[in-house]
N, C-alpha and C. Protein backbone atom coordinates (compact mmCIF):
# COMPACT_ATOMS: atom_id res chain seq x y z
N MET A 1 147.98 -139.59 -46.69
CA MET A 1 148.66 -140.57 -47.86
C MET A 1 148.28 -140.25 -49.39
N LYS A 2 148.88 -139.60 -49.88
CA LYS A 2 148.49 -139.17 -51.60
C LYS A 2 148.16 -140.84 -52.01
N ALA A 3 147.27 -142.06 -51.59
CA ALA A 3 147.02 -142.98 -52.34
C ALA A 3 146.42 -142.71 -53.79
N PHE A 4 147.33 -143.23 -54.68
CA PHE A 4 147.12 -143.00 -56.49
C PHE A 4 147.29 -141.70 -56.43
N GLY A 5 147.67 -140.99 -55.35
CA GLY A 5 148.43 -139.44 -56.28
C GLY A 5 149.90 -139.73 -57.21
N PHE A 6 150.67 -140.56 -56.56
CA PHE A 6 151.98 -141.29 -57.12
C PHE A 6 152.15 -142.12 -57.95
N ALA A 7 150.57 -143.25 -57.92
CA ALA A 7 150.04 -144.09 -58.80
C ALA A 7 150.60 -144.37 -60.27
N ALA A 8 149.92 -142.82 -60.91
CA ALA A 8 149.65 -143.67 -61.92
C ALA A 8 151.31 -142.81 -62.33
N ILE A 9 151.61 -141.79 -61.42
CA ILE A 9 152.97 -141.39 -62.59
C ILE A 9 154.27 -142.74 -62.42
N LEU A 10 154.06 -143.50 -60.86
CA LEU A 10 155.37 -144.29 -61.16
C LEU A 10 155.33 -145.67 -61.60
N ILE A 11 153.93 -145.79 -62.13
CA ILE A 11 153.78 -147.17 -62.96
C ILE A 11 154.99 -147.07 -64.10
N SER A 12 154.75 -145.42 -64.98
CA SER A 12 155.56 -145.32 -65.91
C SER A 12 156.76 -145.15 -65.55
N VAL A 13 157.69 -144.42 -64.17
CA VAL A 13 158.57 -144.28 -64.24
C VAL A 13 159.39 -145.79 -63.49
N GLY A 14 158.32 -146.95 -63.13
CA GLY A 14 159.13 -147.99 -62.55
C GLY A 14 159.34 -149.12 -63.85
N MET A 15 158.44 -148.43 -65.12
CA MET A 15 158.68 -149.16 -66.01
C MET A 15 160.03 -148.49 -66.95
N MET A 16 160.67 -147.51 -67.00
CA MET A 16 161.67 -146.92 -67.37
C MET A 16 162.63 -146.44 -66.77
N ALA A 17 163.38 -147.31 -65.14
CA ALA A 17 164.03 -147.08 -64.85
C ALA A 17 165.55 -146.60 -64.88
N ALA A 18 165.73 -146.92 -66.06
CA ALA A 18 166.48 -147.12 -67.01
C ALA A 18 167.06 -145.65 -67.58
N CYS A 19 165.83 -144.85 -67.60
CA CYS A 19 165.97 -143.54 -67.52
C CYS A 19 165.56 -142.67 -66.69
N THR A 20 166.73 -142.63 -66.03
CA THR A 20 166.08 -141.82 -64.40
C THR A 20 167.02 -140.64 -64.40
N VAL A 21 166.20 -139.70 -63.93
CA VAL A 21 166.65 -138.15 -64.18
C VAL A 21 167.80 -138.28 -63.28
N THR A 22 168.91 -137.03 -64.18
CA THR A 22 170.36 -137.30 -62.86
C THR A 22 169.82 -135.98 -62.55
N SER A 23 169.49 -135.43 -62.19
CA SER A 23 169.14 -133.26 -61.52
C SER A 23 168.36 -133.98 -60.00
N GLY A 24 168.05 -132.62 -59.39
CA GLY A 24 167.25 -132.93 -58.14
C GLY A 24 168.62 -133.38 -57.04
N ASP A 25 169.68 -132.27 -57.34
CA ASP A 25 171.00 -132.45 -56.24
C ASP A 25 170.25 -131.44 -55.47
N GLY A 26 169.34 -130.70 -55.25
CA GLY A 26 168.99 -129.54 -54.36
C GLY A 26 168.80 -128.35 -55.53
N ASP A 27 168.20 -127.42 -54.75
CA ASP A 27 167.23 -125.99 -55.72
C ASP A 27 168.59 -124.97 -55.45
N THR A 28 168.62 -124.72 -56.54
CA THR A 28 169.18 -123.43 -56.45
C THR A 28 169.11 -122.22 -57.07
N SER A 29 167.15 -122.27 -57.32
CA SER A 29 166.85 -121.24 -57.11
C SER A 29 167.10 -119.61 -56.52
N GLY A 30 167.58 -120.28 -55.18
CA GLY A 30 167.69 -119.07 -54.06
C GLY A 30 165.82 -118.64 -53.94
N ASP A 31 165.17 -119.19 -53.79
CA ASP A 31 163.70 -118.92 -53.31
C ASP A 31 163.58 -118.56 -51.86
N GLY A 32 163.41 -119.34 -50.92
CA GLY A 32 163.41 -118.95 -49.87
C GLY A 32 161.89 -119.28 -49.47
N GLY A 33 161.27 -119.28 -50.27
CA GLY A 33 159.62 -119.31 -50.14
C GLY A 33 159.03 -119.36 -49.16
N SER A 34 158.04 -120.80 -49.57
CA SER A 34 157.19 -121.60 -48.65
C SER A 34 157.19 -121.96 -47.29
N GLY A 35 158.44 -122.00 -47.16
CA GLY A 35 158.88 -122.46 -45.77
C GLY A 35 158.27 -124.06 -45.31
N ALA A 36 158.62 -124.65 -45.76
CA ALA A 36 157.82 -126.21 -46.10
C ALA A 36 158.88 -126.68 -44.70
N SER A 37 157.59 -127.06 -43.72
CA SER A 37 158.29 -127.56 -43.05
C SER A 37 158.94 -129.12 -42.88
N GLY A 38 160.39 -129.05 -42.23
CA GLY A 38 161.13 -130.28 -42.29
C GLY A 38 161.74 -130.39 -40.83
N SER A 39 162.11 -131.58 -40.70
CA SER A 39 163.11 -131.37 -39.66
C SER A 39 164.99 -131.79 -39.97
N THR A 40 165.08 -131.94 -41.44
CA THR A 40 166.11 -131.70 -41.08
C THR A 40 166.74 -130.13 -40.84
N THR A 41 168.14 -129.79 -40.64
CA THR A 41 168.97 -128.34 -40.55
C THR A 41 170.66 -128.52 -42.00
N THR A 42 170.52 -127.24 -42.20
CA THR A 42 171.18 -127.27 -43.25
C THR A 42 172.25 -126.33 -43.13
N SER A 43 173.26 -126.33 -43.56
CA SER A 43 174.59 -125.54 -43.76
C SER A 43 174.37 -123.91 -43.69
N SER A 44 173.73 -123.87 -43.65
CA SER A 44 173.19 -122.10 -44.15
C SER A 44 172.55 -121.52 -42.81
N ALA A 45 172.62 -120.18 -42.79
CA ALA A 45 171.69 -119.49 -41.53
C ALA A 45 170.47 -119.12 -41.85
N THR A 46 169.82 -119.23 -40.81
CA THR A 46 168.08 -118.52 -41.34
C THR A 46 167.70 -117.73 -40.92
N THR A 47 168.47 -117.47 -39.84
CA THR A 47 167.80 -115.67 -39.30
C THR A 47 169.65 -114.87 -39.16
N GLY A 48 169.59 -113.51 -38.65
CA GLY A 48 170.30 -112.71 -38.31
C GLY A 48 170.93 -111.94 -39.88
N GLU A 49 171.84 -111.35 -39.27
CA GLU A 49 172.21 -110.17 -40.62
C GLU A 49 173.37 -111.09 -41.66
N GLY A 50 173.30 -110.77 -42.74
CA GLY A 50 174.69 -110.62 -43.39
C GLY A 50 173.93 -111.57 -44.21
N GLY A 51 174.53 -113.33 -44.47
CA GLY A 51 173.49 -114.60 -45.83
C GLY A 51 174.50 -113.71 -46.80
N SER A 52 173.85 -114.36 -48.12
CA SER A 52 174.55 -114.29 -49.58
C SER A 52 173.44 -113.26 -50.31
N GLY A 53 172.99 -112.67 -49.64
CA GLY A 53 172.00 -112.13 -50.30
C GLY A 53 170.59 -112.49 -51.46
N GLY A 54 170.51 -113.14 -50.74
CA GLY A 54 168.69 -113.39 -51.01
C GLY A 54 168.04 -112.13 -51.87
N THR A 55 166.64 -112.12 -52.09
CA THR A 55 165.91 -110.54 -52.15
C THR A 55 164.86 -111.97 -51.94
N GLY A 56 164.16 -110.90 -50.57
CA GLY A 56 163.06 -110.74 -50.03
C GLY A 56 163.02 -111.64 -49.16
N GLY A 57 164.00 -113.07 -49.64
CA GLY A 57 163.50 -114.04 -48.56
C GLY A 57 162.72 -114.81 -47.53
N GLY A 58 162.18 -115.43 -47.11
CA GLY A 58 160.97 -116.09 -46.24
C GLY A 58 161.26 -116.50 -45.52
N GLU A 59 160.09 -117.11 -44.41
CA GLU A 59 160.21 -117.23 -43.52
C GLU A 59 160.72 -118.81 -43.04
N GLY A 60 161.21 -119.30 -42.27
CA GLY A 60 160.66 -120.59 -42.42
C GLY A 60 161.97 -121.24 -42.92
N GLY A 61 162.78 -121.03 -43.92
CA GLY A 61 163.84 -121.73 -44.02
C GLY A 61 164.12 -123.17 -43.92
N GLY A 62 165.09 -123.85 -43.94
CA GLY A 62 165.41 -125.02 -43.36
C GLY A 62 164.73 -126.18 -43.63
N GLY A 63 163.46 -125.92 -44.69
CA GLY A 63 162.85 -127.08 -45.65
C GLY A 63 163.77 -127.87 -46.37
N THR A 64 163.66 -128.94 -47.00
CA THR A 64 164.36 -129.73 -47.55
C THR A 64 164.17 -128.78 -49.08
N GLY A 65 164.76 -128.76 -50.15
CA GLY A 65 165.35 -128.65 -51.17
C GLY A 65 164.06 -128.78 -51.75
N GLY A 66 163.77 -129.85 -52.70
CA GLY A 66 162.87 -130.50 -53.60
C GLY A 66 161.43 -130.08 -53.23
N ALA A 67 161.27 -130.30 -51.29
CA ALA A 67 159.47 -129.83 -50.90
C ALA A 67 159.28 -128.08 -51.12
N ASN A 68 160.66 -127.74 -50.92
CA ASN A 68 160.05 -126.44 -51.07
C ASN A 68 159.76 -125.99 -52.82
N VAL A 69 160.80 -126.12 -53.60
CA VAL A 69 160.94 -126.17 -55.15
C VAL A 69 159.07 -126.66 -55.12
N CYS A 70 158.78 -127.94 -55.21
CA CYS A 70 157.19 -128.57 -55.79
C CYS A 70 156.26 -128.15 -54.60
N ALA A 71 156.21 -127.60 -53.43
CA ALA A 71 154.96 -127.19 -52.78
C ALA A 71 154.59 -125.38 -52.96
N GLU A 72 155.43 -124.87 -54.22
CA GLU A 72 154.84 -123.83 -55.11
C GLU A 72 153.50 -124.65 -56.20
N GLU A 73 153.89 -125.79 -56.48
CA GLU A 73 152.90 -126.66 -57.79
C GLU A 73 151.49 -127.07 -56.65
N THR A 74 150.94 -127.25 -58.06
CA THR A 74 149.02 -127.51 -57.46
C THR A 74 149.50 -129.00 -57.96
N GLY A 75 148.33 -129.82 -57.62
CA GLY A 75 147.72 -130.92 -58.29
C GLY A 75 148.73 -131.91 -58.47
N ASP A 76 148.45 -132.00 -60.02
CA ASP A 76 149.52 -133.33 -60.73
C ASP A 76 150.63 -132.95 -60.72
N GLU A 77 150.68 -131.14 -61.17
CA GLU A 77 151.93 -130.36 -61.28
C GLU A 77 152.94 -131.05 -59.71
N CYS A 78 152.41 -130.64 -59.05
CA CYS A 78 153.37 -131.23 -57.59
C CYS A 78 153.51 -132.35 -57.55
N MET A 79 153.18 -133.08 -57.87
CA MET A 79 153.72 -134.95 -57.08
C MET A 79 154.62 -135.16 -58.89
N ASP A 80 154.25 -133.99 -60.08
CA ASP A 80 155.55 -134.64 -60.97
C ASP A 80 156.79 -134.59 -60.56
N CYS A 81 156.66 -132.57 -59.61
CA CYS A 81 158.18 -132.09 -59.33
C CYS A 81 158.36 -132.68 -58.83
N CYS A 82 157.86 -133.77 -57.67
CA CYS A 82 158.06 -134.61 -56.40
C CYS A 82 159.26 -136.13 -56.95
N VAL A 83 158.33 -136.04 -58.33
CA VAL A 83 159.30 -137.51 -58.70
C VAL A 83 160.50 -137.18 -59.10
N THR A 84 160.16 -135.64 -59.73
CA THR A 84 161.54 -135.32 -60.49
C THR A 84 162.48 -134.59 -59.92
N GLU A 85 162.45 -133.78 -58.88
CA GLU A 85 163.37 -133.88 -57.48
C GLU A 85 163.94 -134.88 -57.20
N HIS A 86 162.84 -136.07 -56.86
CA HIS A 86 163.73 -136.70 -56.41
C HIS A 86 162.84 -138.62 -56.65
N SER A 87 164.14 -138.44 -57.98
CA SER A 87 163.90 -139.59 -59.24
C SER A 87 164.24 -140.98 -58.28
N ALA A 88 165.16 -141.00 -57.15
CA ALA A 88 166.05 -142.19 -57.20
C ALA A 88 164.89 -142.63 -56.19
N GLU A 89 163.88 -142.18 -55.62
CA GLU A 89 163.22 -141.99 -53.96
C GLU A 89 161.87 -143.04 -54.68
N ALA A 90 161.75 -142.31 -55.93
CA ALA A 90 160.48 -142.13 -57.33
C ALA A 90 160.69 -143.92 -57.64
N GLU A 91 161.90 -143.96 -57.93
CA GLU A 91 162.26 -145.65 -58.52
C GLU A 91 162.10 -146.49 -57.36
N ALA A 92 162.37 -146.20 -55.87
CA ALA A 92 162.36 -146.67 -55.10
C ALA A 92 160.81 -147.08 -54.18
N LEU A 93 159.97 -146.40 -54.89
CA LEU A 93 158.36 -146.52 -54.48
C LEU A 93 157.58 -147.48 -55.90
N GLY A 94 158.22 -147.24 -57.01
CA GLY A 94 157.75 -148.01 -58.21
C GLY A 94 158.04 -149.18 -57.91
N LYS A 95 159.26 -149.69 -57.35
CA LYS A 95 159.62 -151.02 -57.27
C LYS A 95 158.47 -151.66 -55.60
N LEU A 96 158.12 -150.98 -54.89
CA LEU A 96 157.37 -151.04 -53.81
C LEU A 96 156.47 -151.18 -54.14
N GLN A 97 155.99 -150.13 -55.24
CA GLN A 97 154.02 -150.82 -55.89
C GLN A 97 153.96 -152.13 -56.49
N TYR A 98 155.37 -152.40 -57.36
CA TYR A 98 155.11 -153.94 -57.66
C TYR A 98 155.12 -154.74 -57.07
N TRP A 99 156.01 -155.15 -55.68
CA TRP A 99 155.99 -155.72 -54.89
C TRP A 99 154.63 -156.22 -54.37
N PHE A 100 154.09 -154.47 -53.90
CA PHE A 100 152.79 -155.17 -52.82
C PHE A 100 151.69 -155.30 -54.01
N CYS A 101 152.12 -154.91 -54.59
CA CYS A 101 150.42 -155.93 -56.21
C CYS A 101 150.78 -156.26 -57.19
N GLY A 102 152.18 -156.98 -56.90
CA GLY A 102 152.48 -157.88 -58.07
C GLY A 102 153.25 -159.57 -57.77
N CYS A 103 154.19 -158.95 -56.77
CA CYS A 103 154.71 -159.70 -56.42
C CYS A 103 155.14 -160.54 -54.54
N ALA A 104 154.15 -159.82 -53.85
CA ALA A 104 153.61 -160.63 -52.46
C ALA A 104 153.01 -161.49 -52.82
N ALA A 105 153.47 -162.44 -51.47
CA ALA A 105 152.44 -163.62 -51.44
C ALA A 105 150.88 -163.46 -51.94
N GLU A 106 150.04 -162.83 -51.31
CA GLU A 106 148.96 -162.08 -51.35
C GLU A 106 148.32 -161.22 -52.73
N ALA A 107 149.76 -160.89 -53.26
CA ALA A 107 149.70 -159.82 -54.07
C ALA A 107 147.75 -160.01 -55.80
N PRO A 108 147.55 -158.85 -55.66
CA PRO A 108 146.69 -159.20 -56.91
C PRO A 108 146.98 -159.39 -58.23
N CYS A 109 148.07 -159.40 -58.20
CA CYS A 109 148.85 -159.37 -59.65
C CYS A 109 149.89 -160.64 -59.75
N ALA A 110 150.10 -160.91 -59.06
CA ALA A 110 150.80 -162.45 -58.53
C ALA A 110 151.43 -163.40 -59.61
N ALA A 111 149.99 -163.98 -60.37
CA ALA A 111 149.61 -164.64 -60.97
C ALA A 111 150.24 -163.97 -62.31
N ASP A 112 150.35 -162.69 -62.73
CA ASP A 112 150.60 -162.10 -64.05
C ASP A 112 152.44 -161.89 -63.77
N CYS A 113 152.79 -161.59 -62.69
CA CYS A 113 153.93 -160.92 -62.39
C CYS A 113 155.43 -162.05 -61.70
N ASP A 114 154.66 -162.96 -61.08
CA ASP A 114 155.56 -163.45 -60.25
C ASP A 114 155.62 -165.12 -61.40
N THR A 115 156.41 -165.11 -62.40
CA THR A 115 156.56 -165.48 -63.17
C THR A 115 157.69 -167.26 -62.88
N THR A 116 157.75 -168.07 -63.79
CA THR A 116 158.78 -169.11 -63.42
C THR A 116 159.61 -169.03 -65.07
N ASP A 117 159.25 -167.79 -65.69
CA ASP A 117 159.99 -167.61 -67.22
C ASP A 117 160.75 -166.45 -66.97
N ALA A 118 162.42 -166.22 -66.77
CA ALA A 118 163.87 -165.17 -66.23
C ALA A 118 162.90 -164.12 -67.02
N THR A 119 162.42 -164.17 -68.29
CA THR A 119 162.48 -162.88 -69.09
C THR A 119 161.33 -162.08 -68.64
N SER A 120 160.00 -163.13 -68.25
CA SER A 120 158.89 -161.77 -67.86
C SER A 120 158.73 -162.18 -66.55
N ASP A 121 159.66 -162.50 -65.53
CA ASP A 121 159.80 -162.56 -64.21
C ASP A 121 159.84 -161.52 -63.21
N VAL A 122 159.20 -160.30 -63.00
CA VAL A 122 159.42 -158.85 -62.87
C VAL A 122 159.26 -159.19 -61.19
N CYS A 123 159.10 -160.25 -60.58
CA CYS A 123 159.87 -160.54 -58.84
C CYS A 123 160.71 -161.11 -59.05
N GLY A 124 161.46 -161.81 -59.64
CA GLY A 124 163.35 -162.50 -59.71
C GLY A 124 162.80 -162.98 -58.43
N ASP A 125 164.09 -163.83 -58.43
CA ASP A 125 164.69 -164.76 -57.68
C ASP A 125 165.06 -163.65 -56.22
N GLU A 126 165.95 -163.30 -56.24
CA GLU A 126 166.50 -161.96 -55.44
C GLU A 126 166.35 -160.41 -55.30
N ALA A 127 165.85 -160.24 -56.48
CA ALA A 127 164.99 -158.72 -56.39
C ALA A 127 163.97 -158.59 -57.42
N ILE A 128 163.04 -157.32 -57.12
CA ILE A 128 161.97 -157.15 -58.12
C ILE A 128 163.02 -156.17 -59.60
N ASN A 129 162.18 -156.54 -60.72
CA ASN A 129 163.21 -155.92 -61.45
C ASN A 129 161.77 -155.25 -62.58
N PRO A 130 161.44 -154.46 -62.93
CA PRO A 130 160.83 -154.22 -63.17
C PRO A 130 160.89 -153.67 -64.56
N ASP A 131 162.42 -154.03 -65.26
CA ASP A 131 162.23 -153.72 -66.25
C ASP A 131 162.58 -154.78 -67.33
N VAL A 132 161.55 -155.67 -66.83
CA VAL A 132 161.59 -156.99 -68.12
C VAL A 132 160.14 -156.87 -68.81
N GLU A 133 160.37 -157.31 -70.05
CA GLU A 133 158.92 -156.84 -70.71
C GLU A 133 157.97 -158.27 -70.33
N ASN A 134 156.83 -157.20 -69.39
CA ASN A 134 156.02 -158.32 -68.86
C ASN A 134 154.38 -157.22 -69.16
N SER A 135 153.50 -157.27 -70.47
CA SER A 135 153.03 -156.06 -70.02
C SER A 135 151.52 -156.60 -69.52
N ALA A 136 151.54 -157.97 -69.10
CA ALA A 136 150.46 -158.76 -69.19
C ALA A 136 150.49 -157.79 -67.11
N CYS A 137 151.63 -158.15 -66.94
CA CYS A 137 151.98 -157.46 -65.42
C CYS A 137 151.71 -156.05 -65.15
N ASP A 138 152.47 -155.44 -66.12
CA ASP A 138 151.97 -153.87 -66.04
C ASP A 138 150.90 -153.71 -66.21
N ILE A 139 150.15 -154.37 -66.95
CA ILE A 139 148.25 -153.64 -66.88
C ILE A 139 147.44 -153.87 -65.69
N CYS A 140 148.35 -155.44 -65.19
CA CYS A 140 147.40 -155.37 -64.12
C CYS A 140 147.72 -154.40 -62.70
N ILE A 141 149.18 -154.35 -62.81
CA ILE A 141 149.81 -153.18 -62.13
C ILE A 141 148.94 -152.04 -61.86
N ALA A 142 148.75 -151.58 -63.12
CA ALA A 142 148.29 -150.26 -63.26
C ALA A 142 146.62 -150.33 -62.74
N GLN A 143 145.83 -151.41 -62.39
CA GLN A 143 144.69 -151.37 -62.64
C GLN A 143 144.18 -151.83 -61.24
N ALA A 144 145.70 -152.75 -60.52
CA ALA A 144 145.16 -152.98 -58.90
C ALA A 144 144.21 -152.11 -58.10
N ALA A 145 144.19 -152.93 -56.80
CA ALA A 145 143.49 -152.17 -55.82
C ALA A 145 144.69 -151.40 -55.44
N GLU A 146 143.43 -150.35 -54.85
CA GLU A 146 143.75 -149.06 -53.81
C GLU A 146 144.93 -149.34 -52.89
N GLU A 147 144.47 -151.09 -52.41
CA GLU A 147 144.92 -151.38 -50.66
C GLU A 147 146.80 -151.50 -50.99
N CYS A 148 147.01 -152.05 -52.44
CA CYS A 148 148.56 -152.52 -52.80
C CYS A 148 149.32 -151.14 -53.03
N TYR A 149 148.68 -150.26 -53.23
CA TYR A 149 149.44 -149.27 -53.37
C TYR A 149 149.33 -148.41 -51.98
N ILE A 150 148.60 -148.04 -51.01
CA ILE A 150 147.97 -147.66 -49.64
C ILE A 150 149.51 -148.25 -49.09
N ALA A 151 149.85 -150.09 -49.13
CA ALA A 151 150.96 -150.43 -48.62
C ALA A 151 152.50 -150.33 -49.13
N ALA A 152 151.89 -149.68 -50.52
CA ALA A 152 153.44 -149.15 -50.90
C ALA A 152 153.97 -147.82 -50.34
N GLU A 153 152.81 -147.04 -50.38
CA GLU A 153 153.41 -145.97 -49.66
C GLU A 153 153.34 -145.42 -48.48
N ALA A 154 152.95 -146.39 -47.44
CA ALA A 154 153.32 -146.98 -46.32
C ALA A 154 154.66 -147.32 -45.93
N ALA A 155 154.97 -148.43 -46.97
CA ALA A 155 156.48 -149.12 -46.54
C ALA A 155 157.68 -147.72 -46.58
N CYS A 156 156.89 -146.88 -48.34
CA CYS A 156 157.87 -146.08 -48.99
C CYS A 156 158.03 -144.89 -47.39
N ALA A 157 157.11 -144.28 -46.78
CA ALA A 157 157.27 -143.28 -45.78
C ALA A 157 158.11 -143.80 -44.62
N ASP A 158 158.07 -145.29 -44.62
CA ASP A 158 159.25 -145.82 -43.72
C ASP A 158 160.09 -145.92 -44.11
N ALA A 159 160.71 -145.85 -45.23
CA ALA A 159 162.14 -146.33 -45.88
C ALA A 159 163.22 -145.49 -45.81
N ASP A 160 164.36 -145.58 -45.63
CA ASP A 160 165.00 -144.17 -45.94
C ASP A 160 165.62 -143.56 -47.44
N ASP A 161 165.37 -144.77 -47.70
CA ASP A 161 165.80 -144.67 -49.87
C ASP A 161 164.32 -144.48 -50.40
N CYS A 162 163.54 -143.59 -49.60
CA CYS A 162 161.96 -143.94 -50.01
C CYS A 162 161.39 -141.94 -49.29
N LYS A 163 161.50 -142.21 -48.09
CA LYS A 163 160.40 -141.30 -47.55
C LYS A 163 160.76 -139.87 -47.77
N ALA A 164 161.64 -139.47 -48.39
CA ALA A 164 162.01 -137.74 -48.84
C ALA A 164 160.81 -137.83 -50.23
N LEU A 165 160.15 -138.45 -50.57
CA LEU A 165 159.13 -138.33 -51.65
C LEU A 165 157.88 -138.42 -51.48
N MET A 166 157.62 -138.86 -50.51
CA MET A 166 156.20 -138.90 -49.60
C MET A 166 156.15 -137.59 -48.65
N THR A 167 157.27 -136.81 -47.92
CA THR A 167 157.38 -135.56 -47.95
C THR A 167 156.38 -134.24 -48.64
N CYS A 168 157.85 -134.70 -49.58
CA CYS A 168 157.29 -134.04 -50.61
C CYS A 168 155.95 -133.90 -51.39
N GLY A 169 155.34 -135.13 -51.32
CA GLY A 169 153.93 -135.44 -51.66
C GLY A 169 153.10 -134.95 -50.67
N ASP A 170 153.31 -134.85 -49.47
CA ASP A 170 152.61 -135.07 -48.44
C ASP A 170 152.19 -132.79 -48.59
N ALA A 171 153.60 -132.17 -48.93
CA ALA A 171 152.92 -130.84 -49.05
C ALA A 171 152.25 -130.54 -49.94
N CYS A 172 152.55 -130.73 -51.18
CA CYS A 172 151.11 -130.94 -52.57
C CYS A 172 149.73 -131.05 -51.92
N GLN A 173 149.16 -129.84 -52.60
CA GLN A 173 148.15 -129.69 -52.82
C GLN A 173 146.77 -129.33 -53.73
């Protein structure tokens, strides 16, 4: 896990959920590159002759589009790339962070985030809503203990709508 690796990035992503990135439908650079491992298969062949004219190609192929692109980056640039390539998953992780840090029963920021005022209740009655104006919750979440971020990242790694982001982040160095 990359505890806190996504934390600073995702606090702002969670608060800017209305500004989602619309790119990230896959890499079209034809890089072939570093051969990040992945268990998914693609419709293109990675061995044999023919192919569609890449130059140099690389061994490995078969990785997911975003992971190959981001694995070429390092540190924060790699994490930023993962968030860009997997924006929907980044939003899901942001909501998980709000849940584990601010809305769960024993969350360190529950007093600030789970309010009775609908205009500031990040936790909502039916779903997490990080788009409401609640600066006390935002500040608390940004300063929350590492344990709630680790719990959010673990939940993300197990969730179908989030795990691609964690797989990408695991390839970052």
